[in-house]
Amino acid sequence: MKNLDYYLNLKYDVKLIGVAGTWVAAIPALPNCVADGKTPQEATAKLEEVKKLIIEDCLKSGRPVPEP
């Protein structure tokens, strides 16, 4: 069975863009999976938190989790 750990360990593509003194990170495969930070590392760390919340929400609601 595919659980939270399964999805968190998948290798999703991450897009990282510097915009006006901040960094924006996104996972295109997961709708609304976007985070920002002052550094690329901060944006990426926040993105991991958002990814987990989105996947948990999909699993709880019975919606399919997009895979890379």
PDB file of N, CA and C in Angstrom:
ATOM      1  N   MET A   1       0.847  -1.190   0.000  1.00  0.00           N
ATOM      2  CA  MET A   1       0.000   0.000   0.000  1.00  0.00           C
ATOM      3  C   MET A   1       0.890   1.250   0.000  1.00  0.00           C
ATOM      4  N   LYS A   2       0.489   2.218  -0.785  1.00  0.00           N
ATOM      5  CA  LYS A   2       1.235   3.467  -0.878  1.00  0.00           C
ATOM      6  C   LYS A   2       0.808   4.387   0.272  1.00  0.00           C
ATOM      7  N   ASN A   3       1.752   4.673   1.171  1.00  0.00           N
ATOM      8  CA  ASN A   3       1.457   5.521   2.312  1.00  0.00           C
ATOM      9  C   ASN A   3       2.262   6.817   2.227  1.00  0.00           C
ATOM     10  N   LEU A   4       2.188   7.623   3.282  1.00  0.00           N
ATOM     11  CA  LEU A   4       2.869   8.905   3.295  1.00  0.00           C
ATOM     12  C   LEU A   4       4.370   8.752   3.042  1.00  0.00           C
ATOM     13  N   ASP A   5       5.002   7.801   3.706  1.00  0.00           N
ATOM     14  CA  ASP A   5       6.444   7.596   3.521  1.00  0.00           C
ATOM     15  C   ASP A   5       6.788   7.255   2.078  1.00  0.00           C
ATOM     16  N   TYR A   6       5.953   6.463   1.443  1.00  0.00           N
ATOM     17  CA  TYR A   6       6.186   6.111   0.040  1.00  0.00           C
ATOM     18  C   TYR A   6       6.276   7.384  -0.806  1.00  0.00           C
ATOM     19  N   TYR A   7       5.265   8.260  -0.666  1.00  0.00           N
ATOM     20  CA  TYR A   7       5.221   9.471  -1.490  1.00  0.00           C
ATOM     21  C   TYR A   7       6.328  10.462  -1.119  1.00  0.00           C
ATOM     22  N   LEU A   8       6.655  10.572   0.171  1.00  0.00           N
ATOM     23  CA  LEU A   8       7.708  11.502   0.583  1.00  0.00           C
ATOM     24  C   LEU A   8       9.073  11.084   0.059  1.00  0.00           C
ATOM     25  N   ASN A   9       9.250   9.804  -0.219  1.00  0.00           N
ATOM     26  CA  ASN A   9      10.530   9.311  -0.719  1.00  0.00           C
ATOM     27  C   ASN A   9      10.638   9.316  -2.242  1.00  0.00           C
ATOM     28  N   LEU A  10       9.565   9.699  -2.931  1.00  0.00           N
ATOM     29  CA  LEU A  10       9.633   9.806  -4.387  1.00  0.00           C
ATOM     30  C   LEU A  10      10.461  11.027  -4.777  1.00  0.00           C
ATOM     31  N   LYS A  11      11.097  10.963  -5.913  1.00  0.00           N
ATOM     32  CA  LYS A  11      11.953  12.051  -6.400  1.00  0.00           C
ATOM     33  C   LYS A  11      11.131  12.975  -7.303  1.00  0.00           C
ATOM     34  N   TYR A  12      10.527  14.004  -6.694  1.00  0.00           N
ATOM     35  CA  TYR A  12       9.766  14.993  -7.448  1.00  0.00           C
ATOM     36  C   TYR A  12      10.725  16.052  -7.996  1.00  0.00           C
ATOM     37  N   ASP A  13      10.466  16.541  -9.194  1.00  0.00           N
ATOM     38  CA  ASP A  13      11.243  17.641  -9.759  1.00  0.00           C
ATOM     39  C   ASP A  13      10.906  18.922  -9.005  1.00  0.00           C
ATOM     40  N   VAL A  14      11.931  19.671  -8.650  1.00  0.00           N
ATOM     41  CA  VAL A  14      11.758  20.941  -7.944  1.00  0.00           C
ATOM     42  C   VAL A  14      12.258  22.065  -8.845  1.00  0.00           C
ATOM     43  N   LYS A  15      11.455  23.086  -8.984  1.00  0.00           N
ATOM     44  CA  LYS A  15      11.842  24.288  -9.725  1.00  0.00           C
ATOM     45  C   LYS A  15      12.180  25.364  -8.696  1.00  0.00           C
ATOM     46  N   LEU A  16      13.316  26.016  -8.869  1.00  0.00           N
ATOM     47  CA  LEU A  16      13.782  27.039  -7.934  1.00  0.00           C
ATOM     48  C   LEU A  16      14.112  28.303  -8.721  1.00  0.00           C
ATOM     49  N   ILE A  17      13.480  29.412  -8.326  1.00  0.00           N
ATOM     50  CA  ILE A  17      13.640  30.660  -9.059  1.00  0.00           C
ATOM     51  C   ILE A  17      13.915  31.797  -8.071  1.00  0.00           C
ATOM     52  N   GLY A  18      14.919  32.607  -8.384  1.00  0.00           N
ATOM     53  CA  GLY A  18      15.188  33.810  -7.607  1.00  0.00           C
ATOM     54  C   GLY A  18      14.353  34.959  -8.145  1.00  0.00           C
ATOM     55  N   VAL A  19      13.590  35.600  -7.250  1.00  0.00           N
ATOM     56  CA  VAL A  19      12.705  36.689  -7.656  1.00  0.00           C
ATOM     57  C   VAL A  19      12.809  37.835  -6.651  1.00  0.00           C
ATOM     58  N   ALA A  20      13.308  38.974  -7.099  1.00  0.00           N
ATOM     59  CA  ALA A  20      13.328  40.208  -6.298  1.00  0.00           C
ATOM     60  C   ALA A  20      13.849  39.984  -4.873  1.00  0.00           C
ATOM     61  N   GLY A  21      14.998  39.359  -4.749  1.00  0.00           N
ATOM     62  CA  GLY A  21      15.612  39.184  -3.439  1.00  0.00           C
ATOM     63  C   GLY A  21      15.059  38.049  -2.601  1.00  0.00           C
ATOM     64  N   THR A  22      14.185  37.242  -3.188  1.00  0.00           N
ATOM     65  CA  THR A  22      13.652  36.072  -2.488  1.00  0.00           C
ATOM     66  C   THR A  22      13.742  34.876  -3.424  1.00  0.00           C
ATOM     67  N   TRP A  23      13.577  33.700  -2.895  1.00  0.00           N
ATOM     68  CA  TRP A  23      13.611  32.477  -3.696  1.00  0.00           C
ATOM     69  C   TRP A  23      12.268  31.779  -3.605  1.00  0.00           C
ATOM     70  N   VAL A  24      11.821  31.275  -4.740  1.00  0.00           N
ATOM     71  CA  VAL A  24      10.556  30.543  -4.815  1.00  0.00           C
ATOM     72  C   VAL A  24      10.866  29.127  -5.300  1.00  0.00           C
ATOM     73  N   ALA A  25      10.360  28.144  -4.557  1.00  0.00           N
ATOM     74  CA  ALA A  25      10.528  26.743  -4.929  1.00  0.00           C
ATOM     75  C   ALA A  25       9.149  26.141  -5.171  1.00  0.00           C
ATOM     76  N   ALA A  26       9.067  25.252  -6.158  1.00  0.00           N
ATOM     77  CA  ALA A  26       7.784  24.634  -6.499  1.00  0.00           C
ATOM     78  C   ALA A  26       8.002  23.217  -6.985  1.00  0.00           C
ATOM     79  N   ILE A  27       6.984  22.393  -6.761  1.00  0.00           N
ATOM     80  CA  ILE A  27       6.947  21.041  -7.325  1.00  0.00           C
ATOM     81  C   ILE A  27       5.790  21.038  -8.313  1.00  0.00           C
ATOM     82  N   PRO A  28       6.083  21.146  -9.618  1.00  0.00           N
ATOM     83  CA  PRO A  28       5.013  21.237 -10.615  1.00  0.00           C
ATOM     84  C   PRO A  28       4.032  20.059 -10.605  1.00  0.00           C
ATOM     85  N   ALA A  29       4.485  18.879 -10.239  1.00  0.00           N
ATOM     86  CA  ALA A  29       3.611  17.698 -10.257  1.00  0.00           C
ATOM     87  C   ALA A  29       2.533  17.744  -9.174  1.00  0.00           C
ATOM     88  N   LEU A  30       2.765  18.552  -8.128  1.00  0.00           N
ATOM     89  CA  LEU A  30       1.796  18.659  -7.029  1.00  0.00           C
ATOM     90  C   LEU A  30       1.136  20.033  -7.074  1.00  0.00           C
ATOM     91  N   PRO A  31      -0.161  20.087  -7.354  1.00  0.00           N
ATOM     92  CA  PRO A  31      -0.849  21.378  -7.439  1.00  0.00           C
ATOM     93  C   PRO A  31      -0.686  22.195  -6.155  1.00  0.00           C
ATOM     94  N   ASN A  32      -0.385  23.475  -6.317  1.00  0.00           N
ATOM     95  CA  ASN A  32      -0.244  24.427  -5.215  1.00  0.00           C
ATOM     96  C   ASN A  32       0.916  24.133  -4.278  1.00  0.00           C
ATOM     97  N   CYS A  33       1.881  23.365  -4.725  1.00  0.00           N
ATOM     98  CA  CYS A  33       3.050  23.046  -3.899  1.00  0.00           C
ATOM     99  C   CYS A  33       4.141  24.070  -4.196  1.00  0.00           C
ATOM    100  N   VAL A  34       4.082  25.190  -3.444  1.00  0.00           N
ATOM    101  CA  VAL A  34       4.976  26.325  -3.655  1.00  0.00           C
ATOM    102  C   VAL A  34       5.376  26.873  -2.288  1.00  0.00           C
ATOM    103  N   ALA A  35       6.636  27.302  -2.177  1.00  0.00           N
ATOM    104  CA  ALA A  35       7.115  27.938  -0.946  1.00  0.00           C
ATOM    105  C   ALA A  35       8.191  28.945  -1.312  1.00  0.00           C
ATOM    106  N   ASP A  36       8.405  29.899  -0.409  1.00  0.00           N
ATOM    107  CA  ASP A  36       9.453  30.880  -0.663  1.00  0.00           C
ATOM    108  C   ASP A  36      10.349  31.019   0.559  1.00  0.00           C
ATOM    109  N   GLY A  37      11.488  31.646   0.344  1.00  0.00           N
ATOM    110  CA  GLY A  37      12.429  31.864   1.428  1.00  0.00           C
ATOM    111  C   GLY A  37      13.478  32.879   1.032  1.00  0.00           C
ATOM    112  N   LYS A  38      14.281  33.284   2.003  1.00  0.00           N
ATOM    113  CA  LYS A  38      15.334  34.263   1.750  1.00  0.00           C
ATOM    114  C   LYS A  38      16.527  33.648   1.028  1.00  0.00           C
ATOM    115  N   THR A  39      16.657  32.333   1.147  1.00  0.00           N
ATOM    116  CA  THR A  39      17.746  31.609   0.479  1.00  0.00           C
ATOM    117  C   THR A  39      17.159  30.402  -0.246  1.00  0.00           C
ATOM    118  N   PRO A  40      17.890  29.831  -1.193  1.00  0.00           N
ATOM    119  CA  PRO A  40      17.396  28.615  -1.846  1.00  0.00           C
ATOM    120  C   PRO A  40      17.160  27.485  -0.832  1.00  0.00           C
ATOM    121  N   GLN A  41      18.028  27.391   0.165  1.00  0.00           N
ATOM    122  CA  GLN A  41      17.888  26.332   1.170  1.00  0.00           C
ATOM    123  C   GLN A  41      16.618  26.514   2.006  1.00  0.00           C
ATOM    124  N   GLU A  42      16.316  27.752   2.373  1.00  0.00           N
ATOM    125  CA  GLU A  42      15.109  28.026   3.155  1.00  0.00           C
ATOM    126  C   GLU A  42      13.859  27.720   2.331  1.00  0.00           C
ATOM    127  N   ALA A  43      13.859  28.139   1.079  1.00  0.00           N
ATOM    128  CA  ALA A  43      12.705  27.881   0.214  1.00  0.00           C
ATOM    129  C   ALA A  43      12.500  26.380   0.020  1.00  0.00           C
ATOM    130  N   THR A  44      13.578  25.653  -0.171  1.00  0.00           N
ATOM    131  CA  THR A  44      13.482  24.205  -0.370  1.00  0.00           C
ATOM    132  C   THR A  44      13.013  23.496   0.900  1.00  0.00           C
ATOM    133  N   ALA A  45      13.499  23.930   2.060  1.00  0.00           N
ATOM    134  CA  ALA A  45      13.066  23.323   3.328  1.00  0.00           C
ATOM    135  C   ALA A  45      11.573  23.558   3.554  1.00  0.00           C
ATOM    136  N   LYS A  46      11.110  24.779   3.294  1.00  0.00           N
ATOM    137  CA  LYS A  46       9.683  25.077   3.435  1.00  0.00           C
ATOM    138  C   LYS A  46       8.865  24.268   2.435  1.00  0.00           C
ATOM    139  N   LEU A  47       9.406  24.080   1.240  1.00  0.00           N
ATOM    140  CA  LEU A  47       8.708  23.310   0.214  1.00  0.00           C
ATOM    141  C   LEU A  47       8.472  21.880   0.674  1.00  0.00           C
ATOM    142  N   GLU A  48       9.431  21.303   1.373  1.00  0.00           N
ATOM    143  CA  GLU A  48       9.261  19.937   1.888  1.00  0.00           C
ATOM    144  C   GLU A  48       8.094  19.865   2.867  1.00  0.00           C
ATOM    145  N   GLU A  49       7.918  20.889   3.683  1.00  0.00           N
ATOM    146  CA  GLU A  49       6.790  20.935   4.619  1.00  0.00           C
ATOM    147  C   GLU A  49       5.465  21.017   3.863  1.00  0.00           C
ATOM    148  N   VAL A  50       5.428  21.873   2.842  1.00  0.00           N
ATOM    149  CA  VAL A  50       4.208  22.028   2.035  1.00  0.00           C
ATOM    150  C   VAL A  50       3.891  20.724   1.312  1.00  0.00           C
ATOM    151  N   LYS A  51       4.924  20.076   0.758  1.00  0.00           N
ATOM    152  CA  LYS A  51       4.733  18.796   0.063  1.00  0.00           C
ATOM    153  C   LYS A  51       4.085  17.777   0.996  1.00  0.00           C
ATOM    154  N   LYS A  52       4.592  17.689   2.206  1.00  0.00           N
ATOM    155  CA  LYS A  52       4.040  16.733   3.174  1.00  0.00           C
ATOM    156  C   LYS A  52       2.573  17.031   3.459  1.00  0.00           C
ATOM    157  N   LEU A  53       2.236  18.307   3.669  1.00  0.00           N
ATOM    158  CA  LEU A  53       0.852  18.676   3.953  1.00  0.00           C
ATOM    159  C   LEU A  53      -0.067  18.346   2.785  1.00  0.00           C
ATOM    160  N   ILE A  54       0.375  18.609   1.571  1.00  0.00           N
ATOM    161  CA  ILE A  54      -0.450  18.323   0.389  1.00  0.00           C
ATOM    162  C   ILE A  54      -0.677  16.820   0.247  1.00  0.00           C
ATOM    163  N   ILE A  55       0.370  16.042   0.423  1.00  0.00           N
ATOM    164  CA  ILE A  55       0.243  14.588   0.299  1.00  0.00           C
ATOM    165  C   ILE A  55      -0.659  14.038   1.403  1.00  0.00           C
ATOM    166  N   GLU A  56      -0.472  14.513   2.630  1.00  0.00           N
ATOM    167  CA  GLU A  56      -1.339  14.067   3.735  1.00  0.00           C
ATOM    168  C   GLU A  56      -2.796  14.383   3.440  1.00  0.00           C
ATOM    169  N   ASP A  57      -3.061  15.578   2.910  1.00  0.00           N
ATOM    170  CA  ASP A  57      -4.435  15.972   2.594  1.00  0.00           C
ATOM    171  C   ASP A  57      -5.032  15.066   1.523  1.00  0.00           C
ATOM    172  N   CYS A  58      -4.253  14.748   0.494  1.00  0.00           N
ATOM    173  CA  CYS A  58      -4.744  13.845  -0.554  1.00  0.00           C
ATOM    174  C   CYS A  58      -5.075  12.471   0.029  1.00  0.00           C
ATOM    175  N   LEU A  59      -4.196  11.943   0.852  1.00  0.00           N
ATOM    176  CA  LEU A  59      -4.409  10.623   1.427  1.00  0.00           C
ATOM    177  C   LEU A  59      -5.632  10.588   2.342  1.00  0.00           C
ATOM    178  N   LYS A  60      -5.805  11.638   3.165  1.00  0.00           N
ATOM    179  CA  LYS A  60      -6.952  11.696   4.075  1.00  0.00           C
ATOM    180  C   LYS A  60      -8.262  11.816   3.341  1.00  0.00           C
ATOM    181  N   SER A  61      -8.252  12.563   2.235  1.00  0.00           N
ATOM    182  CA  SER A  61      -9.496  12.809   1.501  1.00  0.00           C
ATOM    183  C   SER A  61      -9.781  11.755   0.440  1.00  0.00           C
ATOM    184  N   GLY A  62      -8.840  10.827   0.256  1.00  0.00           N
ATOM    185  CA  GLY A  62      -9.054   9.768  -0.717  1.00  0.00           C
ATOM    186  C   GLY A  62      -8.747  10.175  -2.152  1.00  0.00           C
ATOM    187  N   ARG A  63      -8.163  11.360  -2.336  1.00  0.00           N
ATOM    188  CA  ARG A  63      -7.798  11.800  -3.679  1.00  0.00           C
ATOM    189  C   ARG A  63      -6.463  11.169  -4.081  1.00  0.00           C
ATOM    190  N   PRO A  64      -6.249  10.939  -5.350  1.00  0.00           N
ATOM    191  CA  PRO A  64      -4.972  10.365  -5.782  1.00  0.00           C
ATOM    192  C   PRO A  64      -3.831  11.372  -5.577  1.00  0.00           C
ATOM    193  N   VAL A  65      -2.680  10.846  -5.242  1.00  0.00           N
ATOM    194  CA  VAL A  65      -1.489  11.688  -5.098  1.00  0.00           C
ATOM    195  C   VAL A  65      -0.733  11.622  -6.404  1.00  0.00           C
ATOM    196  N   PRO A  66      -0.518  12.761  -7.067  1.00  0.00           N
ATOM    197  CA  PRO A  66       0.255  12.744  -8.305  1.00  0.00           C
ATOM    198  C   PRO A  66       1.680  12.239  -8.044  1.00  0.00           C
ATOM    199  N   GLU A  67       2.164  11.403  -8.921  1.00  0.00           N
ATOM    200  CA  GLU A  67       3.525  10.901  -8.804  1.00  0.00           C
ATOM    201  C   GLU A  67       4.390  11.521  -9.890  1.00  0.00           C
ATOM    202  N   PRO A  68       5.695  11.615  -9.599  1.00  0.00           N
ATOM    203  CA  PRO A  68       6.588  12.216 -10.609  1.00  0.00           C
ATOM    204  C   PRO A  68       6.682  11.366 -11.867  1.00  0.00           C
TER     205      PRO A  68
END
